[in-house]
Amino acid sequence: MNSTQQITNKLTQFIKKFYINELLKGSLLFIAIGLLYLLVIVFIEHFLWLSTTYRTALFWIFIGVELTLLYKFIGIPLFQLFGLKKGITHENASELIGNHFPEVNDKLTNLLQLKNNSEQSELL
């Protein structure tokens, strides 16, 4: 396995770890926002003594908000992790790494661009 294949494999591992971190962050946000929203709903119902119709409406609104949060914070990163939805590419991952590590900067992006070039170069 040559060095470009190793770099591509490491970029693929980085992308996988990136989505796992997004999934963990999304899970925490889903739980935190969901609990906060539940508390708001419970306090509204407790202090206003709502009728059955309004309680039912609050329940279905709560279910809708929770399903939306589930899709946004957990569903999308899962789909991108398993490749069911388009996520970040190797070029985008190289830009993220370049922004975080200044010594790498554009070298990784340049390597990927040279690899994608149809003619082999000695620069690669």
Protein backbone atom coordinates (compact mmCIF):
# COMPACT_ATOMS: atom_id res chain seq x y z
CA MET A 1 0.00 0.00 0.00
CA ASN A 2 1.54 3.29 -1.05
CA SER A 3 1.49 6.54 0.89
CA THR A 4 -1.47 8.07 -1.00
CA GLN A 5 -3.62 5.07 -0.18
CA GLN A 6 -2.61 5.31 3.47
CA ILE A 7 -3.53 8.99 3.53
CA THR A 8 -6.87 8.22 1.87
CA ASN A 9 -7.56 5.51 4.45
CA LYS A 10 -6.69 7.87 7.28
CA LEU A 11 -9.01 10.52 5.79
CA THR A 12 -11.78 7.92 5.66
CA GLN A 13 -11.13 7.07 9.32
CA PHE A 14 -11.21 10.79 10.16
CA ILE A 15 -14.57 11.18 8.41
CA LYS A 16 -15.96 8.20 10.34
CA LYS A 17 -14.73 9.65 13.66
CA PHE A 18 -16.12 13.05 12.67
CA TYR A 19 -19.61 11.61 12.23
CA ILE A 20 -19.35 9.56 15.42
CA ASN A 21 -18.51 12.78 17.28
CA GLU A 22 -21.43 14.53 15.56
CA LEU A 23 -23.67 11.65 16.66
CA LEU A 24 -22.49 11.91 20.28
CA LYS A 25 -22.94 15.67 20.30
CA GLY A 26 -26.35 15.29 18.67
CA SER A 27 -27.41 12.70 21.24
CA LEU A 28 -26.51 15.02 24.09
CA LEU A 29 -28.32 17.93 22.45
CA PHE A 30 -31.36 15.76 21.74
CA ILE A 31 -31.58 14.70 25.37
CA ALA A 32 -30.91 18.18 26.78
CA ILE A 33 -33.31 20.05 24.48
CA GLY A 34 -35.90 17.29 24.81
CA LEU A 35 -35.84 17.42 28.60
CA LEU A 36 -35.94 21.21 28.63
CA TYR A 37 -38.89 21.18 26.23
CA LEU A 38 -40.64 18.54 28.35
CA LEU A 39 -40.23 20.70 31.44
CA VAL A 40 -41.69 23.70 29.63
CA ILE A 41 -44.69 21.64 28.51
CA VAL A 42 -45.23 20.25 32.01
CA PHE A 43 -45.05 23.72 33.58
CA ILE A 44 -47.48 25.13 31.00
CA GLU A 45 -49.95 22.35 31.72
CA HIS A 46 -49.49 22.58 35.50
CA PHE A 47 -49.93 26.32 35.85
CA LEU A 48 -52.68 26.80 33.24
CA TRP A 49 -54.81 23.73 34.05
CA LEU A 50 -55.58 23.05 30.41
CA SER A 51 -58.56 21.13 29.11
CA THR A 52 -58.25 17.75 27.40
CA THR A 53 -58.21 19.30 23.93
CA TYR A 54 -55.27 21.57 24.74
CA ARG A 55 -53.42 18.76 26.51
CA THR A 56 -53.83 16.60 23.43
CA ALA A 57 -52.54 19.42 21.22
CA LEU A 58 -49.55 19.94 23.52
CA PHE A 59 -48.83 16.20 23.45
CA TRP A 60 -48.84 16.00 19.65
CA ILE A 61 -46.77 19.17 19.34
CA PHE A 62 -44.29 17.63 21.80
CA ILE A 63 -44.14 14.41 19.74
CA GLY A 64 -43.60 16.42 16.54
CA VAL A 65 -40.81 18.49 18.06
CA GLU A 66 -39.11 15.41 19.47
CA LEU A 67 -39.27 13.59 16.12
CA THR A 68 -37.80 16.67 14.43
CA LEU A 69 -34.99 16.83 16.99
CA LEU A 70 -34.37 13.09 16.58
CA TYR A 71 -34.04 13.45 12.82
CA LYS A 72 -31.87 16.57 12.97
CA PHE A 73 -29.47 15.57 15.73
CA ILE A 74 -29.33 11.78 15.41
CA GLY A 75 -30.82 10.73 12.08
CA ILE A 76 -28.75 12.92 9.76
CA PRO A 77 -25.36 11.98 11.31
CA LEU A 78 -26.37 8.30 11.24
CA PHE A 79 -27.33 8.49 7.57
CA GLN A 80 -24.05 10.22 6.76
CA LEU A 81 -22.04 7.75 8.85
CA PHE A 82 -23.49 4.77 6.98
CA GLY A 83 -23.25 6.50 3.61
CA LEU A 84 -27.00 6.72 2.99
CA LYS A 85 -26.77 10.50 2.68
CA LYS A 86 -23.95 12.51 1.13
CA GLY A 87 -21.59 13.85 3.74
CA ILE A 88 -18.21 15.51 3.71
CA THR A 89 -15.73 14.50 1.03
CA HIS A 90 -12.04 13.86 1.39
CA GLU A 91 -11.38 17.40 0.16
CA ASN A 92 -13.67 18.86 2.82
CA ALA A 93 -12.02 16.69 5.47
CA SER A 94 -8.59 17.87 4.34
CA GLU A 95 -9.76 21.49 4.70
CA LEU A 96 -11.01 20.76 8.24
CA ILE A 97 -7.68 19.16 9.14
CA GLY A 98 -5.78 22.02 7.48
CA ASN A 99 -7.71 24.60 9.49
CA HIS A 100 -6.96 22.77 12.72
CA PHE A 101 -3.29 22.00 12.03
CA PRO A 102 -1.53 24.96 10.38
CA GLU A 103 1.58 22.91 9.51
CA VAL A 104 -0.53 20.68 7.23
CA ASN A 105 -2.54 23.59 5.77
CA ASP A 106 -2.87 23.06 1.99
CA LYS A 107 -0.46 20.14 1.60
CA LEU A 108 -3.19 17.55 2.12
CA THR A 109 -5.57 19.31 -0.27
CA ASN A 110 -2.81 19.59 -2.88
CA LEU A 111 -2.01 15.89 -2.52
CA LEU A 112 -5.67 14.96 -3.10
CA GLN A 113 -5.89 17.24 -6.13
CA LEU A 114 -2.73 15.72 -7.62
CA LYS A 115 -4.08 12.21 -6.95
CA ASN A 116 -7.32 13.03 -8.76
CA ASN A 117 -5.39 14.39 -11.73
CA SER A 118 -5.50 11.96 -14.65
CA GLU A 119 -1.82 12.15 -15.53
CA GLN A 120 0.70 10.89 -12.98
CA SER A 121 3.19 13.47 -11.87
CA GLU A 122 6.51 13.25 -10.07
CA LEU A 123 5.12 15.78 -7.61
CA LEU A 124 2.77 13.13 -6.28
